[in-house]
Amino acid sequence: MEVVLSTHASVEAFVPDLQQALADGDFKWLDEYLDDSVKLLDICRALRDALEEIKNYHVLVELALHTLEKGAIGDAQLRRSKNVLLKCMEALKRKDDDINHLGQRRSKLENCSSMLRRMGEKLNMEDASKGNFFMVIYAAQVSTIFICGVLTSALSFKPRRAFTTISVGGQSAWSFSLTSLQQRVKEQIERKKSKGANALLEELDRTDVAVRALFDRIEKLLHARVFPLREDQILDVKQAAMVLRDCSLELHEGLAPLEVHVADVFKVLIASRVALLDIYSHA
């Protein structure tokens, strides 16, 4: 994330190179950059929507826990909590259904992955060799596409597509580092998928598992229809609720930095786009 912010911040330092390129009539690369920046802004909006969906899911989890924590655990409390936990599971299932319906529909984040892959394939290292400004722009594009790809994968539910890696040209230290980082991220994602994780975001996956575990315990007790509950049965429910409480807290804390990252990417994209459009208008 620091690389994304620093490369975009460096653009203004190389404005003379840009002005010279435009004076020479080299507008194609700038048109492509401005076009890609619009797509990246759309991707940021999709990421914000995905974060909002997860936050709404978290609210449901908290409601289910509150139902069990506000008084003695009996038939009414268990039924209310079960109904809310069912809504939690249905919320994630709807995300999956959006992808699977008739095998034709794709989620917004899957569309984002396709856009990022196409943008990565278009990047041209030859343009970066034209001067310092072009190298900074190239680095900004590569790093931004990469971080958006990571965020898209992290917020996806049961992602079908493999993580998109970018072929980074050049022999610089940062290009080698990014290539290595991409490989590590891809391996981690494939490892999680092979283990059957529903969500690649670890905090969301653990919360989903804990929701299902608590739901199963409650459903079993309701099916038995033996009330009042024994002490060991109440303890079993409370322990499952405590596990979910810990997962819910981790999910809440994990969402905060993701929101900051998405907001930061959006801001630097806007700032870079405005600066380049201003120069373009005077060319």
C-alpha atoms as a PDB file:
ATOM      1  CA  MET A   1       0.000   0.000   0.000  1.00  0.00           C
ATOM      2  CA  GLU A   2       2.879   2.355   0.772  1.00  0.00           C
ATOM      3  CA  VAL A   3       4.270   1.713  -2.725  1.00  0.00           C
ATOM      4  CA  VAL A   4       0.935   2.697  -4.297  1.00  0.00           C
ATOM      5  CA  LEU A   5       0.765   5.945  -2.346  1.00  0.00           C
ATOM      6  CA  SER A   6       4.416   6.876  -2.901  1.00  0.00           C
ATOM      7  CA  THR A   7       4.412   6.193  -6.661  1.00  0.00           C
ATOM      8  CA  HIS A   8       1.293   8.281  -7.217  1.00  0.00           C
ATOM      9  CA  ALA A   9       2.751  11.047  -5.037  1.00  0.00           C
ATOM     10  CA  SER A  10       5.916  11.039  -7.182  1.00  0.00           C
ATOM     11  CA  VAL A  11       4.033  11.838 -10.385  1.00  0.00           C
ATOM     12  CA  GLU A  12       4.161  15.617  -9.867  1.00  0.00           C
ATOM     13  CA  ALA A  13       7.961  15.544  -9.493  1.00  0.00           C
ATOM     14  CA  PHE A  14       8.299  14.446 -13.115  1.00  0.00           C
ATOM     15  CA  VAL A  15       5.830  16.823 -14.755  1.00  0.00           C
ATOM     16  CA  PRO A  16       8.528  18.262 -17.108  1.00  0.00           C
ATOM     17  CA  ASP A  17       8.955  14.792 -18.670  1.00  0.00           C
ATOM     18  CA  LEU A  18       5.205  14.618 -19.203  1.00  0.00           C
ATOM     19  CA  GLN A  19       5.052  18.067 -20.774  1.00  0.00           C
ATOM     20  CA  GLN A  20       7.868  17.148 -23.157  1.00  0.00           C
ATOM     21  CA  ALA A  21       6.090  13.935 -24.166  1.00  0.00           C
ATOM     22  CA  LEU A  22       2.883  15.813 -24.893  1.00  0.00           C
ATOM     23  CA  ALA A  23       4.813  18.454 -26.831  1.00  0.00           C
ATOM     24  CA  ASP A  24       6.133  15.609 -28.995  1.00  0.00           C
ATOM     25  CA  GLY A  25       2.564  14.488 -29.664  1.00  0.00           C
ATOM     26  CA  ASP A  26       2.742  11.345 -27.509  1.00  0.00           C
ATOM     27  CA  PHE A  27      -0.856  11.275 -26.241  1.00  0.00           C
ATOM     28  CA  LYS A  28      -1.760   7.583 -26.616  1.00  0.00           C
ATOM     29  CA  TRP A  29      -0.272   6.373 -23.321  1.00  0.00           C
ATOM     30  CA  LEU A  30      -1.998   9.211 -21.417  1.00  0.00           C
ATOM     31  CA  ASP A  31      -5.378   8.413 -22.984  1.00  0.00           C
ATOM     32  CA  GLU A  32      -4.948   4.779 -21.928  1.00  0.00           C
ATOM     33  CA  TYR A  33      -3.888   5.770 -18.409  1.00  0.00           C
ATOM     34  CA  LEU A  34      -6.903   8.056 -17.968  1.00  0.00           C
ATOM     35  CA  ASP A  35      -9.199   5.322 -19.291  1.00  0.00           C
ATOM     36  CA  ASP A  36      -7.723   2.793 -16.843  1.00  0.00           C
ATOM     37  CA  SER A  37      -8.046   5.244 -13.962  1.00  0.00           C
ATOM     38  CA  VAL A  38     -11.817   5.398 -14.541  1.00  0.00           C
ATOM     39  CA  LYS A  39     -11.990   1.598 -14.415  1.00  0.00           C
ATOM     40  CA  LEU A  40      -9.922   1.520 -11.225  1.00  0.00           C
ATOM     41  CA  LEU A  41     -12.252   4.067  -9.634  1.00  0.00           C
ATOM     42  CA  ASP A  42     -15.204   1.823 -10.547  1.00  0.00           C
ATOM     43  CA  ILE A  43     -13.367  -1.102  -8.952  1.00  0.00           C
ATOM     44  CA  CYS A  44     -12.851   0.927  -5.775  1.00  0.00           C
ATOM     45  CA  ARG A  45     -16.596   1.580  -5.656  1.00  0.00           C
ATOM     46  CA  ALA A  46     -17.286  -2.149  -6.034  1.00  0.00           C
ATOM     47  CA  LEU A  47     -14.845  -2.845  -3.199  1.00  0.00           C
ATOM     48  CA  ARG A  48     -16.635  -0.317  -0.999  1.00  0.00           C
ATOM     49  CA  ASP A  49     -19.955  -2.041  -1.767  1.00  0.00           C
ATOM     50  CA  ALA A  50     -18.437  -5.421  -0.855  1.00  0.00           C
ATOM     51  CA  LEU A  51     -17.155  -4.017   2.440  1.00  0.00           C
ATOM     52  CA  GLU A  52     -20.607  -2.613   3.186  1.00  0.00           C
ATOM     53  CA  GLU A  53     -22.155  -6.054   2.618  1.00  0.00           C
ATOM     54  CA  ILE A  54     -19.715  -7.617   5.078  1.00  0.00           C
ATOM     55  CA  LYS A  55     -20.416  -4.867   7.618  1.00  0.00           C
ATOM     56  CA  ASN A  56     -24.153  -5.610   7.326  1.00  0.00           C
ATOM     57  CA  TYR A  57     -23.363  -9.298   7.859  1.00  0.00           C
ATOM     58  CA  HIS A  58     -21.397  -8.346  10.976  1.00  0.00           C
ATOM     59  CA  VAL A  59     -24.398  -6.413  12.324  1.00  0.00           C
ATOM     60  CA  LEU A  60     -26.506  -9.585  12.029  1.00  0.00           C
ATOM     61  CA  VAL A  61     -23.858 -11.597  13.886  1.00  0.00           C
ATOM     62  CA  GLU A  62     -23.861  -9.053  16.700  1.00  0.00           C
ATOM     63  CA  LEU A  63     -27.667  -9.178  16.876  1.00  0.00           C
ATOM     64  CA  ALA A  64     -27.642 -12.979  17.184  1.00  0.00           C
ATOM     65  CA  LEU A  65     -25.106 -12.779  20.009  1.00  0.00           C
ATOM     66  CA  HIS A  66     -26.990 -10.007  21.799  1.00  0.00           C
ATOM     67  CA  THR A  67     -30.102 -12.194  21.853  1.00  0.00           C
ATOM     68  CA  LEU A  68     -28.211 -14.874  23.789  1.00  0.00           C
ATOM     69  CA  GLU A  69     -26.325 -12.506  26.067  1.00  0.00           C
ATOM     70  CA  LYS A  70     -29.101 -10.253  27.345  1.00  0.00           C
ATOM     71  CA  GLY A  71     -30.781 -12.747  29.710  1.00  0.00           C
ATOM     72  CA  ALA A  72     -31.422 -16.362  30.628  1.00  0.00           C
ATOM     73  CA  ILE A  73     -31.162 -18.760  27.699  1.00  0.00           C
ATOM     74  CA  GLY A  74     -34.490 -20.400  26.988  1.00  0.00           C
ATOM     75  CA  ASP A  75     -36.686 -21.485  24.097  1.00  0.00           C
ATOM     76  CA  ALA A  76     -37.557 -17.926  22.973  1.00  0.00           C
ATOM     77  CA  GLN A  77     -33.940 -16.696  23.043  1.00  0.00           C
ATOM     78  CA  LEU A  78     -32.728 -19.724  21.102  1.00  0.00           C
ATOM     79  CA  ARG A  79     -35.379 -19.307  18.417  1.00  0.00           C
ATOM     80  CA  ARG A  80     -34.648 -15.599  17.958  1.00  0.00           C
ATOM     81  CA  SER A  81     -30.914 -16.227  17.781  1.00  0.00           C
ATOM     82  CA  LYS A  82     -31.401 -19.114  15.343  1.00  0.00           C
ATOM     83  CA  ASN A  83     -33.486 -16.931  13.020  1.00  0.00           C
ATOM     84  CA  VAL A  84     -30.792 -14.238  12.930  1.00  0.00           C
ATOM     85  CA  LEU A  85     -27.999 -16.791  12.439  1.00  0.00           C
ATOM     86  CA  LEU A  86     -29.989 -18.190   9.523  1.00  0.00           C
ATOM     87  CA  LYS A  87     -30.063 -14.700   8.008  1.00  0.00           C
ATOM     88  CA  CYS A  88     -26.272 -14.561   8.399  1.00  0.00           C
ATOM     89  CA  MET A  89     -25.846 -17.789   6.452  1.00  0.00           C
ATOM     90  CA  GLU A  90     -28.373 -16.717   3.827  1.00  0.00           C
ATOM     91  CA  ALA A  91     -26.526 -13.416   3.351  1.00  0.00           C
ATOM     92  CA  LEU A  92     -23.351 -15.254   2.327  1.00  0.00           C
ATOM     93  CA  LYS A  93     -25.338 -17.820   0.348  1.00  0.00           C
ATOM     94  CA  ARG A  94     -26.905 -15.007  -1.698  1.00  0.00           C
ATOM     95  CA  LYS A  95     -23.410 -13.855  -2.646  1.00  0.00           C
ATOM     96  CA  ASP A  96     -22.707 -17.387  -3.873  1.00  0.00           C
ATOM     97  CA  ASP A  97     -26.071 -17.639  -5.667  1.00  0.00           C
ATOM     98  CA  ASP A  98     -25.327 -14.394  -7.517  1.00  0.00           C
ATOM     99  CA  ILE A  99     -22.336 -16.185  -9.004  1.00  0.00           C
ATOM    100  CA  ASN A 100     -23.930 -19.582  -9.647  1.00  0.00           C
ATOM    101  CA  HIS A 101     -27.387 -18.643 -10.936  1.00  0.00           C
ATOM    102  CA  LEU A 102     -27.871 -20.560 -14.226  1.00  0.00           C
ATOM    103  CA  GLY A 103     -24.101 -20.504 -14.585  1.00  0.00           C
ATOM    104  CA  GLN A 104     -24.403 -17.150 -16.328  1.00  0.00           C
ATOM    105  CA  ARG A 105     -24.176 -14.401 -13.739  1.00  0.00           C
ATOM    106  CA  ARG A 106     -20.948 -13.136 -12.247  1.00  0.00           C
ATOM    107  CA  SER A 107     -20.461 -11.095  -9.131  1.00  0.00           C
ATOM    108  CA  LYS A 108     -19.259  -7.504  -9.320  1.00  0.00           C
ATOM    109  CA  LEU A 109     -15.926  -8.560  -7.860  1.00  0.00           C
ATOM    110  CA  GLU A 110     -15.461 -11.255 -10.520  1.00  0.00           C
ATOM    111  CA  ASN A 111     -16.053  -8.588 -13.157  1.00  0.00           C
ATOM    112  CA  CYS A 112     -13.447  -6.474 -11.353  1.00  0.00           C
ATOM    113  CA  SER A 113     -10.954  -9.353 -11.538  1.00  0.00           C
ATOM    114  CA  SER A 114     -11.495  -9.589 -15.293  1.00  0.00           C
ATOM    115  CA  MET A 115     -10.975  -5.837 -15.712  1.00  0.00           C
ATOM    116  CA  LEU A 116      -7.765  -5.942 -13.664  1.00  0.00           C
ATOM    117  CA  ARG A 117      -6.446  -8.871 -15.691  1.00  0.00           C
ATOM    118  CA  ARG A 118      -7.049  -7.021 -18.965  1.00  0.00           C
ATOM    119  CA  MET A 119      -5.408  -3.856 -17.626  1.00  0.00           C
ATOM    120  CA  GLY A 120      -2.389  -5.849 -16.475  1.00  0.00           C
ATOM    121  CA  GLU A 121      -2.025  -7.481 -19.885  1.00  0.00           C
ATOM    122  CA  LYS A 122      -2.001  -4.056 -21.597  1.00  0.00           C
ATOM    123  CA  LEU A 123       0.866  -2.635 -19.541  1.00  0.00           C
ATOM    124  CA  ASN A 124       3.873  -1.945 -21.728  1.00  0.00           C
ATOM    125  CA  MET A 125       7.373  -1.860 -20.258  1.00  0.00           C
ATOM    126  CA  GLU A 126       8.629  -0.136 -23.421  1.00  0.00           C
ATOM    127  CA  ASP A 127       6.684   2.986 -22.448  1.00  0.00           C
ATOM    128  CA  ALA A 128       8.382   2.947 -19.045  1.00  0.00           C
ATOM    129  CA  SER A 129      11.794   3.165 -20.705  1.00  0.00           C
ATOM    130  CA  LYS A 130      11.004   6.602 -22.208  1.00  0.00           C
ATOM    131  CA  GLY A 131      11.968   8.504 -19.060  1.00  0.00           C
ATOM    132  CA  ASN A 132      11.592   8.887 -15.324  1.00  0.00           C
ATOM    133  CA  PHE A 133       7.985  10.075 -15.523  1.00  0.00           C
ATOM    134  CA  PHE A 134       6.944   7.070 -17.584  1.00  0.00           C
ATOM    135  CA  MET A 135       8.676   4.682 -15.171  1.00  0.00           C
ATOM    136  CA  VAL A 136       6.799   6.270 -12.243  1.00  0.00           C
ATOM    137  CA  ILE A 137       3.489   5.985 -14.114  1.00  0.00           C
ATOM    138  CA  TYR A 138       4.260   2.349 -14.960  1.00  0.00           C
ATOM    139  CA  ALA A 139       5.096   1.589 -11.313  1.00  0.00           C
ATOM    140  CA  ALA A 140       1.930   3.373 -10.162  1.00  0.00           C
ATOM    141  CA  GLN A 141      -0.220   1.346 -12.567  1.00  0.00           C
ATOM    142  CA  VAL A 142       1.385  -1.985 -11.659  1.00  0.00           C
ATOM    143  CA  SER A 143       1.184  -1.432  -7.899  1.00  0.00           C
ATOM    144  CA  THR A 144      -2.394  -0.110  -8.047  1.00  0.00           C
ATOM    145  CA  ILE A 145      -3.636  -3.019 -10.177  1.00  0.00           C
ATOM    146  CA  PHE A 146      -1.885  -5.425  -7.807  1.00  0.00           C
ATOM    147  CA  ILE A 147      -3.336  -3.990  -4.580  1.00  0.00           C
ATOM    148  CA  CYS A 148      -6.820  -3.793  -6.131  1.00  0.00           C
ATOM    149  CA  GLY A 149      -6.449  -7.436  -7.179  1.00  0.00           C
ATOM    150  CA  VAL A 150      -5.512  -8.456  -3.633  1.00  0.00           C
ATOM    151  CA  LEU A 151      -8.479  -6.557  -2.170  1.00  0.00           C
ATOM    152  CA  THR A 152     -10.842  -8.007  -4.782  1.00  0.00           C
ATOM    153  CA  SER A 153      -9.750 -11.553  -3.929  1.00  0.00           C
ATOM    154  CA  ALA A 154      -9.904 -10.914  -0.173  1.00  0.00           C
ATOM    155  CA  LEU A 155     -13.486  -9.639  -0.317  1.00  0.00           C
ATOM    156  CA  SER A 156     -14.781 -12.294  -2.731  1.00  0.00           C
ATOM    157  CA  PHE A 157     -16.919 -15.228  -1.575  1.00  0.00           C
ATOM    158  CA  LYS A 158     -15.859 -18.563  -3.062  1.00  0.00           C
ATOM    159  CA  PRO A 159     -13.814 -16.939  -5.874  1.00  0.00           C
ATOM    160  CA  ARG A 160     -13.717 -19.078  -9.029  1.00  0.00           C
ATOM    161  CA  ARG A 161     -10.931 -17.291 -10.824  1.00  0.00           C
ATOM    162  CA  ALA A 162      -7.274 -17.735 -10.014  1.00  0.00           C
ATOM    163  CA  PHE A 163      -5.484 -14.718  -8.574  1.00  0.00           C
ATOM    164  CA  THR A 164      -4.311 -12.531 -11.460  1.00  0.00           C
ATOM    165  CA  THR A 165      -0.583 -11.856 -11.514  1.00  0.00           C
ATOM    166  CA  ILE A 166       1.058  -9.112 -13.557  1.00  0.00           C
ATOM    167  CA  SER A 167       4.097  -9.739 -15.711  1.00  0.00           C
ATOM    168  CA  VAL A 168       6.451  -7.039 -14.436  1.00  0.00           C
ATOM    169  CA  GLY A 169       9.208  -5.958 -16.798  1.00  0.00           C
ATOM    170  CA  GLY A 170      12.563  -4.447 -15.959  1.00  0.00           C
ATOM    171  CA  GLN A 171      15.434  -5.424 -13.693  1.00  0.00           C
ATOM    172  CA  SER A 172      14.795  -3.039 -10.799  1.00  0.00           C
ATOM    173  CA  ALA A 173      14.686  -4.163  -7.174  1.00  0.00           C
ATOM    174  CA  TRP A 174      11.001  -3.251  -6.845  1.00  0.00           C
ATOM    175  CA  SER A 175      10.022  -5.336  -9.881  1.00  0.00           C
ATOM    176  CA  PHE A 176      11.709  -8.429  -8.427  1.00  0.00           C
ATOM    177  CA  SER A 177      10.093  -7.763  -5.030  1.00  0.00           C
ATOM    178  CA  LEU A 178       6.631  -7.367  -6.556  1.00  0.00           C
ATOM    179  CA  THR A 179       6.990 -10.548  -8.612  1.00  0.00           C
ATOM    180  CA  SER A 180       7.964 -12.461  -5.475  1.00  0.00           C
ATOM    181  CA  LEU A 181       5.113 -10.906  -3.484  1.00  0.00           C
ATOM    182  CA  GLN A 182       2.575 -11.794  -6.180  1.00  0.00           C
ATOM    183  CA  GLN A 183       3.713 -15.414  -6.095  1.00  0.00           C
ATOM    184  CA  ARG A 184       3.408 -15.611  -2.300  1.00  0.00           C
ATOM    185  CA  VAL A 185      -0.086 -14.097  -2.382  1.00  0.00           C
ATOM    186  CA  LYS A 186      -1.169 -16.511  -5.125  1.00  0.00           C
ATOM    187  CA  GLU A 187       0.141 -19.502  -3.147  1.00  0.00           C
ATOM    188  CA  GLN A 188      -1.693 -18.389   0.000  1.00  0.00           C
ATOM    189  CA  ILE A 189      -4.947 -17.950  -1.920  1.00  0.00           C
ATOM    190  CA  GLU A 190      -4.681 -21.369  -3.574  1.00  0.00           C
ATOM    191  CA  ARG A 191      -3.879 -22.942  -0.195  1.00  0.00           C
ATOM    192  CA  LYS A 192      -7.018 -21.448   1.356  1.00  0.00           C
ATOM    193  CA  LYS A 193      -9.172 -22.539  -1.589  1.00  0.00           C
ATOM    194  CA  SER A 194      -7.794 -26.093  -1.416  1.00  0.00           C
ATOM    195  CA  LYS A 195      -8.849 -26.262   2.250  1.00  0.00           C
ATOM    196  CA  GLY A 196     -12.426 -25.406   1.301  1.00  0.00           C
ATOM    197  CA  ALA A 197     -12.532 -21.893   2.730  1.00  0.00           C
ATOM    198  CA  ASN A 198     -15.733 -20.081   1.751  1.00  0.00           C
ATOM    199  CA  ALA A 199     -14.125 -16.661   2.130  1.00  0.00           C
ATOM    200  CA  LEU A 200     -10.495 -15.753   1.501  1.00  0.00           C
ATOM    201  CA  LEU A 201     -10.696 -13.029   4.130  1.00  0.00           C
ATOM    202  CA  GLU A 202      -9.587 -15.087   7.122  1.00  0.00           C
ATOM    203  CA  GLU A 203     -11.679 -13.180   9.663  1.00  0.00           C
ATOM    204  CA  LEU A 204     -14.829 -13.629   7.557  1.00  0.00           C
ATOM    205  CA  ASP A 205     -14.179 -17.335   7.012  1.00  0.00           C
ATOM    206  CA  ARG A 206     -13.661 -17.969  10.747  1.00  0.00           C
ATOM    207  CA  THR A 207     -16.827 -16.029  11.562  1.00  0.00           C
ATOM    208  CA  ASP A 208     -18.793 -18.059   9.006  1.00  0.00           C
ATOM    209  CA  VAL A 209     -17.553 -21.318  10.582  1.00  0.00           C
ATOM    210  CA  ALA A 210     -18.450 -20.078  14.088  1.00  0.00           C
ATOM    211  CA  VAL A 211     -21.923 -18.952  12.947  1.00  0.00           C
ATOM    212  CA  ARG A 212     -22.645 -22.412  11.538  1.00  0.00           C
ATOM    213  CA  ALA A 213     -21.346 -24.137  14.672  1.00  0.00           C
ATOM    214  CA  LEU A 214     -23.582 -22.069  16.965  1.00  0.00           C
ATOM    215  CA  PHE A 215     -26.554 -22.525  14.629  1.00  0.00           C
ATOM    216  CA  ASP A 216     -26.120 -26.326  14.692  1.00  0.00           C
ATOM    217  CA  ARG A 217     -26.011 -26.395  18.501  1.00  0.00           C
ATOM    218  CA  ILE A 218     -29.134 -24.271  18.818  1.00  0.00           C
ATOM    219  CA  GLU A 219     -31.010 -26.250  16.178  1.00  0.00           C
ATOM    220  CA  LYS A 220     -30.194 -29.502  17.977  1.00  0.00           C
ATOM    221  CA  LEU A 221     -31.552 -28.170  21.285  1.00  0.00           C
ATOM    222  CA  LEU A 222     -34.720 -26.824  19.680  1.00  0.00           C
ATOM    223  CA  HIS A 223     -35.289 -30.123  17.903  1.00  0.00           C
ATOM    224  CA  ALA A 224     -35.007 -32.005  21.225  1.00  0.00           C
ATOM    225  CA  ARG A 225     -37.679 -29.718  22.781  1.00  0.00           C
ATOM    226  CA  VAL A 226     -36.472 -30.313  26.340  1.00  0.00           C
ATOM    227  CA  PHE A 227     -36.805 -27.135  28.413  1.00  0.00           C
ATOM    228  CA  PRO A 228     -35.580 -25.741  30.692  1.00  0.00           C
ATOM    229  CA  LEU A 229     -32.062 -26.517  29.514  1.00  0.00           C
ATOM    230  CA  ARG A 230     -29.585 -28.338  31.700  1.00  0.00           C
ATOM    231  CA  GLU A 231     -26.511 -26.443  32.929  1.00  0.00           C
ATOM    232  CA  ASP A 232     -24.200 -28.376  30.592  1.00  0.00           C
ATOM    233  CA  GLN A 233     -26.418 -27.511  27.605  1.00  0.00           C
ATOM    234  CA  ILE A 234     -26.427 -23.827  28.535  1.00  0.00           C
ATOM    235  CA  LEU A 235     -22.644 -23.925  28.954  1.00  0.00           C
ATOM    236  CA  ASP A 236     -22.261 -25.535  25.514  1.00  0.00           C
ATOM    237  CA  VAL A 237     -24.270 -22.728  23.882  1.00  0.00           C
ATOM    238  CA  LYS A 238     -22.367 -20.043  25.788  1.00  0.00           C
ATOM    239  CA  GLN A 239     -18.998 -21.497  24.765  1.00  0.00           C
ATOM    240  CA  ALA A 240     -20.028 -21.552  21.095  1.00  0.00           C
ATOM    241  CA  ALA A 241     -21.284 -17.975  21.464  1.00  0.00           C
ATOM    242  CA  MET A 242     -17.960 -16.921  23.015  1.00  0.00           C
ATOM    243  CA  VAL A 243     -16.080 -18.363  20.034  1.00  0.00           C
ATOM    244  CA  LEU A 244     -18.359 -16.419  17.693  1.00  0.00           C
ATOM    245  CA  ARG A 245     -17.911 -13.288  19.823  1.00  0.00           C
ATOM    246  CA  ASP A 246     -14.114 -13.497  19.393  1.00  0.00           C
ATOM    247  CA  CYS A 247     -14.477 -14.060  15.638  1.00  0.00           C
ATOM    248  CA  SER A 248     -16.921 -11.163  15.348  1.00  0.00           C
ATOM    249  CA  LEU A 249     -14.469  -8.841  17.098  1.00  0.00           C
ATOM    250  CA  GLU A 250     -11.629  -9.935  14.805  1.00  0.00           C
ATOM    251  CA  LEU A 251     -13.854  -9.369  11.761  1.00  0.00           C
ATOM    252  CA  HIS A 252     -14.757  -5.874  12.955  1.00  0.00           C
ATOM    253  CA  GLU A 253     -11.100  -5.012  13.579  1.00  0.00           C
ATOM    254  CA  GLY A 254     -10.031  -6.516  10.241  1.00  0.00           C
ATOM    255  CA  LEU A 255     -12.514  -4.485   8.196  1.00  0.00           C
ATOM    256  CA  ALA A 256     -11.224  -1.131   9.446  1.00  0.00           C
ATOM    257  CA  PRO A 257      -7.797  -1.237   7.705  1.00  0.00           C
ATOM    258  CA  LEU A 258      -9.384  -2.595   4.515  1.00  0.00           C
ATOM    259  CA  GLU A 259     -11.742   0.386   4.410  1.00  0.00           C
ATOM    260  CA  VAL A 260      -8.760   2.705   4.872  1.00  0.00           C
ATOM    261  CA  HIS A 261      -6.828   0.989   2.051  1.00  0.00           C
ATOM    262  CA  VAL A 262      -9.738   1.259  -0.393  1.00  0.00           C
ATOM    263  CA  ALA A 263     -10.301   4.912   0.542  1.00  0.00           C
ATOM    264  CA  ASP A 264      -6.580   5.684   0.120  1.00  0.00           C
ATOM    265  CA  VAL A 265      -6.451   4.074  -3.335  1.00  0.00           C
ATOM    266  CA  PHE A 266      -9.560   6.014  -4.380  1.00  0.00           C
ATOM    267  CA  LYS A 267      -8.041   9.304  -3.187  1.00  0.00           C
ATOM    268  CA  VAL A 268      -4.697   8.859  -4.965  1.00  0.00           C
ATOM    269  CA  LEU A 269      -6.446   7.837  -8.180  1.00  0.00           C
ATOM    270  CA  ILE A 270      -8.601  10.970  -8.071  1.00  0.00           C
ATOM    271  CA  ALA A 271      -5.589  13.185  -7.291  1.00  0.00           C
ATOM    272  CA  SER A 272      -3.461  11.706 -10.102  1.00  0.00           C
ATOM    273  CA  ARG A 273      -6.320  11.897 -12.583  1.00  0.00           C
ATOM    274  CA  VAL A 274      -7.072  15.548 -11.775  1.00  0.00           C
ATOM    275  CA  ALA A 275      -3.382  16.504 -12.030  1.00  0.00           C
ATOM    276  CA  LEU A 276      -2.917  14.778 -15.399  1.00  0.00           C
ATOM    277  CA  LEU A 277      -6.168  16.140 -16.828  1.00  0.00           C
ATOM    278  CA  ASP A 278      -5.069  19.641 -15.858  1.00  0.00           C
ATOM    279  CA  ILE A 279      -1.761  19.217 -17.691  1.00  0.00           C
ATOM    280  CA  TYR A 280      -3.515  17.546 -20.630  1.00  0.00           C
ATOM    281  CA  SER A 281      -5.929  20.481 -20.995  1.00  0.00           C
ATOM    282  CA  HIS A 282      -3.006  22.912 -21.369  1.00  0.00           C
ATOM    283  CA  ALA A 283      -1.036  20.753 -23.808  1.00  0.00           C
END
